[in-house]
């Protein structure tokens, strides 16, 4: 298996992987989001606030994971205000259970540490929750959401 960082040349691939991940999580494909995803990946990769790792086997992408860096106002518990968000974690079904997601997560945490960020959060699917908990993530129920 080959682990590599995604580049601007991978944007179409990133769009496809993101849509597969969403469908895998049970989210309905009720609209076309290709243009929005293209803009997002182009902007975030260009500014360096988004890093996505890809796992290849026999020239096929079998897994991926990403981290996005955000700036928040500094606080007493996070002096820099910087936080990282793990996203786009996906492993093709026939490659699950082999430690690939854990290795990807390690790479994303290393990227976060190298950026000087000490706070990471994520939203976990039922399938991914055990991987994150085993890695050391803890459940904190402090977020509220409002949708329009």
N, C-alpha and C. Protein backbone atom coordinates (compact mmCIF):
# COMPACT_ATOMS: atom_id res chain seq x y z
N UNK A 1 0.84 -1.19 0.00
CA UNK A 1 0.00 0.00 0.00
C UNK A 1 0.88 1.24 0.00
N UNK A 2 0.44 2.23 -0.74
CA UNK A 2 1.14 3.50 -0.83
C UNK A 2 0.29 4.59 -0.19
N UNK A 3 0.86 5.31 0.78
CA UNK A 3 0.19 6.44 1.42
C UNK A 3 0.79 7.71 0.83
N UNK A 4 -0.07 8.63 0.38
CA UNK A 4 0.44 9.89 -0.18
C UNK A 4 -0.55 11.02 0.08
N UNK A 5 -0.02 12.25 0.09
CA UNK A 5 -0.87 13.42 0.24
C UNK A 5 -1.51 13.77 -1.09
N UNK A 6 -2.76 14.19 -1.03
CA UNK A 6 -3.47 14.64 -2.22
C UNK A 6 -2.89 15.98 -2.69
N UNK A 7 -2.94 16.19 -4.00
CA UNK A 7 -2.49 17.45 -4.59
C UNK A 7 -3.65 18.08 -5.37
N UNK A 8 -3.39 19.24 -5.92
CA UNK A 8 -4.40 19.91 -6.75
C UNK A 8 -4.84 19.03 -7.92
N UNK A 9 -3.95 18.17 -8.39
CA UNK A 9 -4.28 17.27 -9.50
C UNK A 9 -5.28 16.18 -9.10
N UNK A 10 -5.53 16.03 -7.82
CA UNK A 10 -6.43 14.99 -7.32
C UNK A 10 -7.84 15.49 -7.03
N UNK A 11 -8.16 16.73 -7.35
CA UNK A 11 -9.44 17.30 -6.95
C UNK A 11 -10.63 16.47 -7.43
N UNK A 12 -10.63 16.03 -8.67
CA UNK A 12 -11.76 15.22 -9.17
C UNK A 12 -11.89 13.93 -8.35
N UNK A 13 -10.77 13.35 -8.01
CA UNK A 13 -10.75 12.14 -7.18
C UNK A 13 -11.29 12.43 -5.79
N UNK A 14 -10.90 13.57 -5.21
CA UNK A 14 -11.38 13.95 -3.89
C UNK A 14 -12.90 14.15 -3.88
N UNK A 15 -13.42 14.72 -4.95
CA UNK A 15 -14.87 14.90 -5.08
C UNK A 15 -15.56 13.54 -5.06
N UNK A 16 -15.05 12.62 -5.85
CA UNK A 16 -15.64 11.28 -5.92
C UNK A 16 -15.57 10.56 -4.57
N UNK A 17 -14.43 10.64 -3.90
CA UNK A 17 -14.27 10.00 -2.60
C UNK A 17 -15.20 10.59 -1.56
N UNK A 18 -15.33 11.91 -1.56
CA UNK A 18 -16.22 12.58 -0.59
C UNK A 18 -17.66 12.10 -0.78
N UNK A 19 -18.11 12.01 -2.01
CA UNK A 19 -19.49 11.59 -2.28
C UNK A 19 -19.68 10.12 -1.87
N UNK A 20 -18.69 9.27 -2.10
CA UNK A 20 -18.77 7.87 -1.67
C UNK A 20 -18.86 7.78 -0.15
N UNK A 21 -18.07 8.60 0.53
CA UNK A 21 -18.07 8.61 1.99
C UNK A 21 -19.44 9.02 2.52
N UNK A 22 -20.03 10.05 1.95
CA UNK A 22 -21.34 10.52 2.39
C UNK A 22 -22.42 9.46 2.18
N UNK A 23 -22.41 8.82 1.03
CA UNK A 23 -23.38 7.75 0.74
C UNK A 23 -23.17 6.58 1.70
N UNK A 24 -21.90 6.25 1.96
CA UNK A 24 -21.57 5.16 2.88
C UNK A 24 -22.11 5.44 4.29
N UNK A 25 -22.19 6.72 4.65
CA UNK A 25 -22.72 7.11 5.96
C UNK A 25 -24.24 7.18 5.97
N UNK A 26 -24.87 6.87 4.81
CA UNK A 26 -26.32 6.85 4.75
C UNK A 26 -26.95 8.19 4.40
N UNK A 27 -26.16 9.13 3.90
CA UNK A 27 -26.69 10.45 3.54
C UNK A 27 -27.22 10.39 2.12
N UNK A 28 -28.43 10.86 1.94
CA UNK A 28 -29.12 10.83 0.64
C UNK A 28 -28.45 11.75 -0.37
N UNK A 29 -28.27 11.27 -1.59
CA UNK A 29 -27.75 12.10 -2.69
C UNK A 29 -28.92 12.85 -3.30
N UNK A 30 -29.31 13.94 -2.67
CA UNK A 30 -30.50 14.66 -3.15
C UNK A 30 -30.17 15.90 -3.95
N UNK A 31 -28.88 16.16 -4.21
CA UNK A 31 -28.51 17.31 -5.04
C UNK A 31 -27.10 17.10 -5.60
N UNK A 32 -26.75 17.90 -6.58
CA UNK A 32 -25.43 17.86 -7.19
C UNK A 32 -24.52 18.82 -6.42
N UNK A 33 -23.47 18.30 -5.82
CA UNK A 33 -22.56 19.15 -5.02
C UNK A 33 -21.15 19.22 -5.63
N UNK A 34 -21.01 18.77 -6.87
CA UNK A 34 -19.68 18.73 -7.49
C UNK A 34 -19.01 20.10 -7.56
N UNK A 35 -19.74 21.12 -7.97
CA UNK A 35 -19.15 22.46 -8.10
C UNK A 35 -18.71 22.99 -6.74
N UNK A 36 -19.54 22.78 -5.73
CA UNK A 36 -19.22 23.25 -4.38
C UNK A 36 -18.01 22.51 -3.83
N UNK A 37 -17.95 21.19 -4.07
CA UNK A 37 -16.80 20.40 -3.61
C UNK A 37 -15.52 20.83 -4.35
N UNK A 38 -15.63 21.07 -5.64
CA UNK A 38 -14.47 21.50 -6.42
C UNK A 38 -13.91 22.81 -5.84
N UNK A 39 -14.79 23.78 -5.61
CA UNK A 39 -14.38 25.07 -5.06
C UNK A 39 -13.73 24.88 -3.69
N UNK A 40 -14.35 24.06 -2.84
CA UNK A 40 -13.82 23.82 -1.49
C UNK A 40 -12.41 23.23 -1.56
N UNK A 41 -12.25 22.13 -2.29
CA UNK A 41 -10.94 21.47 -2.34
C UNK A 41 -9.88 22.38 -2.96
N UNK A 42 -10.24 23.08 -4.01
CA UNK A 42 -9.28 23.98 -4.65
C UNK A 42 -8.83 25.07 -3.67
N UNK A 43 -9.77 25.70 -3.01
CA UNK A 43 -9.46 26.79 -2.09
C UNK A 43 -8.64 26.30 -0.90
N UNK A 44 -9.11 25.25 -0.26
CA UNK A 44 -8.47 24.77 0.97
C UNK A 44 -7.09 24.15 0.71
N UNK A 45 -6.95 23.39 -0.37
CA UNK A 45 -5.62 22.85 -0.71
C UNK A 45 -4.66 23.98 -1.03
N UNK A 46 -5.13 24.98 -1.77
CA UNK A 46 -4.29 26.11 -2.16
C UNK A 46 -3.80 26.91 -0.97
N UNK A 47 -4.67 27.13 0.02
CA UNK A 47 -4.27 27.93 1.18
C UNK A 47 -3.56 27.10 2.25
N UNK A 48 -3.53 25.77 2.09
CA UNK A 48 -2.81 24.91 3.03
C UNK A 48 -3.57 24.61 4.31
N UNK A 49 -4.86 24.93 4.36
CA UNK A 49 -5.65 24.67 5.56
C UNK A 49 -6.34 23.31 5.51
N UNK A 50 -6.07 22.54 4.48
CA UNK A 50 -6.69 21.22 4.29
C UNK A 50 -5.63 20.26 3.76
N UNK A 51 -5.48 19.13 4.45
CA UNK A 51 -4.54 18.10 4.02
C UNK A 51 -5.29 16.79 3.95
N UNK A 52 -5.27 16.15 2.80
CA UNK A 52 -5.92 14.85 2.65
C UNK A 52 -4.88 13.81 2.26
N UNK A 53 -4.90 12.70 2.98
CA UNK A 53 -4.05 11.57 2.68
C UNK A 53 -4.86 10.55 1.90
N UNK A 54 -4.21 9.91 0.93
CA UNK A 54 -4.83 8.87 0.11
C UNK A 54 -4.03 7.59 0.28
N UNK A 55 -4.73 6.46 0.24
CA UNK A 55 -4.08 5.16 0.31
C UNK A 55 -4.37 4.43 -0.99
N UNK A 56 -3.31 4.02 -1.67
CA UNK A 56 -3.44 3.35 -2.97
C UNK A 56 -2.96 1.91 -2.86
N UNK A 57 -3.65 1.04 -3.57
CA UNK A 57 -3.19 -0.34 -3.73
C UNK A 57 -3.50 -0.73 -5.17
N UNK A 58 -2.50 -1.20 -5.87
CA UNK A 58 -2.64 -1.56 -7.28
C UNK A 58 -3.27 -0.42 -8.09
N UNK A 59 -2.80 0.79 -7.85
CA UNK A 59 -3.23 2.01 -8.55
C UNK A 59 -4.71 2.32 -8.34
N UNK A 60 -5.29 1.85 -7.25
CA UNK A 60 -6.68 2.13 -6.88
C UNK A 60 -6.67 2.79 -5.51
N UNK A 61 -7.45 3.86 -5.34
CA UNK A 61 -7.57 4.49 -4.03
C UNK A 61 -8.51 3.62 -3.19
N UNK A 62 -8.00 3.15 -2.05
CA UNK A 62 -8.79 2.27 -1.20
C UNK A 62 -9.21 2.94 0.11
N UNK A 63 -8.58 4.07 0.45
CA UNK A 63 -8.92 4.76 1.69
C UNK A 63 -8.42 6.20 1.63
N UNK A 64 -8.99 7.03 2.50
CA UNK A 64 -8.55 8.42 2.59
C UNK A 64 -8.95 8.99 3.94
N UNK A 65 -8.34 10.10 4.27
CA UNK A 65 -8.66 10.84 5.48
C UNK A 65 -8.08 12.23 5.36
N UNK A 66 -8.73 13.19 6.00
CA UNK A 66 -8.29 14.58 5.88
C UNK A 66 -8.36 15.31 7.21
N UNK A 67 -7.64 16.40 7.27
CA UNK A 67 -7.69 17.31 8.41
C UNK A 67 -7.82 18.73 7.88
N UNK A 68 -8.69 19.51 8.52
CA UNK A 68 -8.87 20.92 8.18
C UNK A 68 -8.46 21.74 9.40
N UNK A 69 -7.72 22.81 9.17
CA UNK A 69 -7.27 23.69 10.24
C UNK A 69 -8.17 24.94 10.29
N UNK A 70 -8.60 25.28 11.50
CA UNK A 70 -9.46 26.44 11.72
C UNK A 70 -8.85 27.37 12.76
N UNK A 71 -9.14 28.66 12.63
CA UNK A 71 -8.74 29.65 13.62
C UNK A 71 -9.96 30.09 14.40
N UNK A 72 -9.89 29.97 15.71
CA UNK A 72 -10.92 30.45 16.62
C UNK A 72 -10.29 31.51 17.51
N UNK A 73 -11.09 32.30 18.19
CA UNK A 73 -10.49 33.23 19.15
C UNK A 73 -9.74 32.45 20.23
N UNK A 74 -8.57 32.91 20.65
CA UNK A 74 -7.85 32.23 21.72
C UNK A 74 -8.71 32.15 22.99
N UNK A 75 -8.43 31.10 23.77
CA UNK A 75 -9.15 30.92 25.04
C UNK A 75 -8.16 30.44 26.09
N UNK A 76 -8.62 30.34 27.33
CA UNK A 76 -7.74 29.88 28.40
C UNK A 76 -7.34 28.42 28.20
N UNK A 77 -8.17 27.64 27.53
CA UNK A 77 -7.86 26.23 27.31
C UNK A 77 -7.21 25.97 25.95
N UNK A 78 -7.15 27.01 25.12
CA UNK A 78 -6.51 26.88 23.80
C UNK A 78 -5.95 28.25 23.41
N UNK A 79 -4.76 28.53 23.93
CA UNK A 79 -4.17 29.87 23.81
C UNK A 79 -4.02 30.34 22.37
N UNK A 80 -3.72 29.42 21.43
CA UNK A 80 -3.55 29.82 20.03
C UNK A 80 -4.89 30.02 19.32
N UNK A 81 -5.92 29.36 19.83
CA UNK A 81 -7.22 29.41 19.17
C UNK A 81 -7.33 28.47 17.98
N UNK A 82 -6.23 27.86 17.60
CA UNK A 82 -6.24 26.97 16.43
C UNK A 82 -6.78 25.60 16.81
N UNK A 83 -7.62 25.06 15.91
CA UNK A 83 -8.16 23.71 16.09
C UNK A 83 -8.09 22.98 14.76
N UNK A 84 -8.10 21.67 14.85
CA UNK A 84 -8.10 20.82 13.67
C UNK A 84 -9.36 19.96 13.69
N UNK A 85 -9.88 19.69 12.50
CA UNK A 85 -11.08 18.86 12.37
C UNK A 85 -10.76 17.70 11.42
N UNK A 86 -10.93 16.48 11.90
CA UNK A 86 -10.71 15.29 11.09
C UNK A 86 -11.98 15.04 10.27
N UNK A 87 -11.82 14.80 8.97
CA UNK A 87 -12.96 14.59 8.09
C UNK A 87 -12.57 13.68 6.92
N UNK A 88 -13.54 13.35 6.11
CA UNK A 88 -13.32 12.57 4.88
C UNK A 88 -12.65 11.22 5.13
N UNK A 89 -12.89 10.64 6.30
CA UNK A 89 -12.33 9.31 6.59
C UNK A 89 -13.19 8.28 5.87
N UNK A 90 -12.55 7.50 5.02
CA UNK A 90 -13.27 6.50 4.25
C UNK A 90 -12.32 5.36 3.88
N UNK A 91 -12.78 4.13 4.07
CA UNK A 91 -12.05 2.95 3.64
C UNK A 91 -13.02 2.07 2.87
N UNK A 92 -12.60 1.62 1.70
CA UNK A 92 -13.46 0.71 0.93
C UNK A 92 -13.75 -0.53 1.77
N UNK A 93 -14.97 -1.01 1.63
CA UNK A 93 -15.48 -2.06 2.50
C UNK A 93 -14.55 -3.29 2.60
N UNK A 94 -14.03 -3.76 1.49
CA UNK A 94 -13.21 -4.98 1.53
C UNK A 94 -11.80 -4.75 2.09
N UNK A 95 -11.48 -3.51 2.49
CA UNK A 95 -10.18 -3.22 3.09
C UNK A 95 -10.32 -2.82 4.56
N UNK A 96 -11.52 -2.84 5.09
CA UNK A 96 -11.75 -2.45 6.48
C UNK A 96 -11.22 -3.52 7.44
N UNK A 97 -10.89 -3.07 8.66
CA UNK A 97 -10.42 -4.00 9.67
C UNK A 97 -8.95 -4.36 9.55
N UNK A 98 -8.21 -3.64 8.71
CA UNK A 98 -6.80 -3.94 8.50
C UNK A 98 -5.88 -2.88 9.11
N UNK A 99 -6.45 -1.94 9.85
CA UNK A 99 -5.63 -0.90 10.49
C UNK A 99 -5.33 0.30 9.60
N UNK A 100 -5.93 0.34 8.42
CA UNK A 100 -5.65 1.44 7.48
C UNK A 100 -6.14 2.77 8.05
N UNK A 101 -7.37 2.79 8.58
CA UNK A 101 -7.92 4.03 9.13
C UNK A 101 -7.09 4.53 10.31
N UNK A 102 -6.60 3.61 11.14
CA UNK A 102 -5.77 4.00 12.27
C UNK A 102 -4.46 4.62 11.80
N UNK A 103 -3.85 4.03 10.76
CA UNK A 103 -2.62 4.59 10.22
C UNK A 103 -2.86 5.97 9.61
N UNK A 104 -3.99 6.12 8.90
CA UNK A 104 -4.35 7.43 8.34
C UNK A 104 -4.54 8.45 9.47
N UNK A 105 -5.24 8.04 10.50
CA UNK A 105 -5.49 8.92 11.64
C UNK A 105 -4.18 9.36 12.27
N UNK A 106 -3.22 8.45 12.39
CA UNK A 106 -1.89 8.81 12.92
C UNK A 106 -1.23 9.87 12.07
N UNK A 107 -1.32 9.73 10.76
CA UNK A 107 -0.73 10.71 9.85
C UNK A 107 -1.40 12.07 10.01
N UNK A 108 -2.72 12.08 10.16
CA UNK A 108 -3.45 13.34 10.32
C UNK A 108 -3.13 14.01 11.66
N UNK A 109 -3.00 13.22 12.70
CA UNK A 109 -2.61 13.77 14.00
C UNK A 109 -1.18 14.33 13.92
N UNK A 110 -0.29 13.63 13.23
CA UNK A 110 1.07 14.15 13.05
C UNK A 110 1.07 15.47 12.29
N UNK A 111 0.24 15.58 11.25
CA UNK A 111 0.12 16.84 10.50
C UNK A 111 -0.34 17.97 11.43
N UNK A 112 -1.27 17.64 12.31
CA UNK A 112 -1.82 18.62 13.26
C UNK A 112 -0.74 19.08 14.23
N UNK A 113 0.01 18.13 14.76
CA UNK A 113 1.10 18.48 15.69
C UNK A 113 2.14 19.34 15.00
N UNK A 114 2.50 18.99 13.76
CA UNK A 114 3.49 19.77 13.01
C UNK A 114 3.02 21.20 12.77
N UNK A 115 1.69 21.40 12.68
CA UNK A 115 1.13 22.74 12.49
C UNK A 115 1.04 23.50 13.82
N UNK A 116 1.44 22.87 14.91
CA UNK A 116 1.42 23.53 16.22
C UNK A 116 0.04 23.59 16.84
N UNK A 117 -0.85 22.73 16.40
CA UNK A 117 -2.23 22.72 16.90
C UNK A 117 -2.38 21.61 17.93
N UNK A 118 -3.04 21.92 19.04
CA UNK A 118 -3.17 20.95 20.13
C UNK A 118 -4.60 20.49 20.37
N UNK A 119 -5.55 20.97 19.59
CA UNK A 119 -6.96 20.58 19.75
C UNK A 119 -7.47 19.99 18.45
N UNK A 120 -8.02 18.77 18.52
CA UNK A 120 -8.60 18.11 17.36
C UNK A 120 -10.01 17.68 17.72
N UNK A 121 -10.94 17.89 16.80
CA UNK A 121 -12.28 17.36 17.00
C UNK A 121 -12.77 16.70 15.72
N UNK A 122 -13.84 15.94 15.83
CA UNK A 122 -14.39 15.25 14.68
C UNK A 122 -15.82 14.82 14.98
N UNK A 123 -16.53 14.50 13.91
CA UNK A 123 -17.85 13.89 14.01
C UNK A 123 -17.71 12.47 13.51
N UNK A 124 -18.04 11.50 14.35
CA UNK A 124 -17.80 10.10 14.00
C UNK A 124 -19.08 9.38 13.61
N UNK A 125 -18.98 8.59 12.55
CA UNK A 125 -20.07 7.69 12.19
C UNK A 125 -20.06 6.52 13.18
N UNK A 126 -21.11 5.73 13.20
CA UNK A 126 -21.14 4.56 14.07
C UNK A 126 -19.98 3.62 13.75
N UNK A 127 -19.67 3.48 12.47
CA UNK A 127 -18.60 2.60 12.03
C UNK A 127 -17.23 3.11 12.48
N UNK A 128 -17.05 4.43 12.45
CA UNK A 128 -15.75 5.01 12.79
C UNK A 128 -15.52 5.23 14.26
N UNK A 129 -16.59 5.33 15.04
CA UNK A 129 -16.47 5.66 16.47
C UNK A 129 -15.48 4.76 17.21
N UNK A 130 -15.51 3.42 17.05
CA UNK A 130 -14.55 2.58 17.78
C UNK A 130 -13.09 2.86 17.41
N UNK A 131 -12.83 3.21 16.16
CA UNK A 131 -11.46 3.52 15.73
C UNK A 131 -10.96 4.75 16.48
N UNK A 132 -11.79 5.79 16.55
CA UNK A 132 -11.39 7.04 17.20
C UNK A 132 -11.24 6.86 18.71
N UNK A 133 -12.15 6.13 19.32
CA UNK A 133 -12.09 5.92 20.76
C UNK A 133 -10.84 5.10 21.13
N UNK A 134 -10.53 4.08 20.34
CA UNK A 134 -9.34 3.27 20.58
C UNK A 134 -8.08 4.12 20.44
N UNK A 135 -8.11 5.09 19.54
CA UNK A 135 -6.98 5.99 19.31
C UNK A 135 -6.77 6.95 20.47
N UNK A 136 -7.85 7.21 21.24
CA UNK A 136 -7.75 8.11 22.39
C UNK A 136 -8.71 9.28 22.38
N UNK A 137 -9.53 9.42 21.34
CA UNK A 137 -10.54 10.49 21.32
C UNK A 137 -11.60 10.18 22.36
N UNK A 138 -12.10 11.23 23.01
CA UNK A 138 -13.16 11.06 24.00
C UNK A 138 -14.42 11.78 23.54
N UNK A 139 -15.56 11.28 23.98
CA UNK A 139 -16.84 11.89 23.60
C UNK A 139 -17.11 13.08 24.50
N UNK A 140 -17.40 14.22 23.88
CA UNK A 140 -17.75 15.44 24.60
C UNK A 140 -19.00 16.00 23.93
N UNK A 141 -20.03 16.17 24.70
CA UNK A 141 -21.30 16.64 24.15
C UNK A 141 -21.50 18.10 24.50
N UNK A 142 -20.78 18.97 23.80
CA UNK A 142 -20.88 20.40 24.11
C UNK A 142 -21.41 21.23 22.94
N UNK A 143 -21.67 20.62 21.80
CA UNK A 143 -22.04 21.36 20.61
C UNK A 143 -23.55 21.36 20.40
N UNK A 144 -24.05 22.48 19.97
CA UNK A 144 -25.44 22.63 19.55
C UNK A 144 -25.42 23.05 18.08
N UNK A 145 -26.48 22.76 17.37
CA UNK A 145 -26.52 23.07 15.94
C UNK A 145 -27.86 23.67 15.57
N UNK A 146 -27.84 24.61 14.66
CA UNK A 146 -29.06 25.22 14.12
C UNK A 146 -28.97 25.13 12.61
N UNK A 147 -29.97 24.53 11.99
CA UNK A 147 -30.01 24.40 10.54
C UNK A 147 -31.12 25.27 9.97
N UNK A 148 -30.86 25.86 8.82
CA UNK A 148 -31.86 26.68 8.13
C UNK A 148 -32.31 26.00 6.88
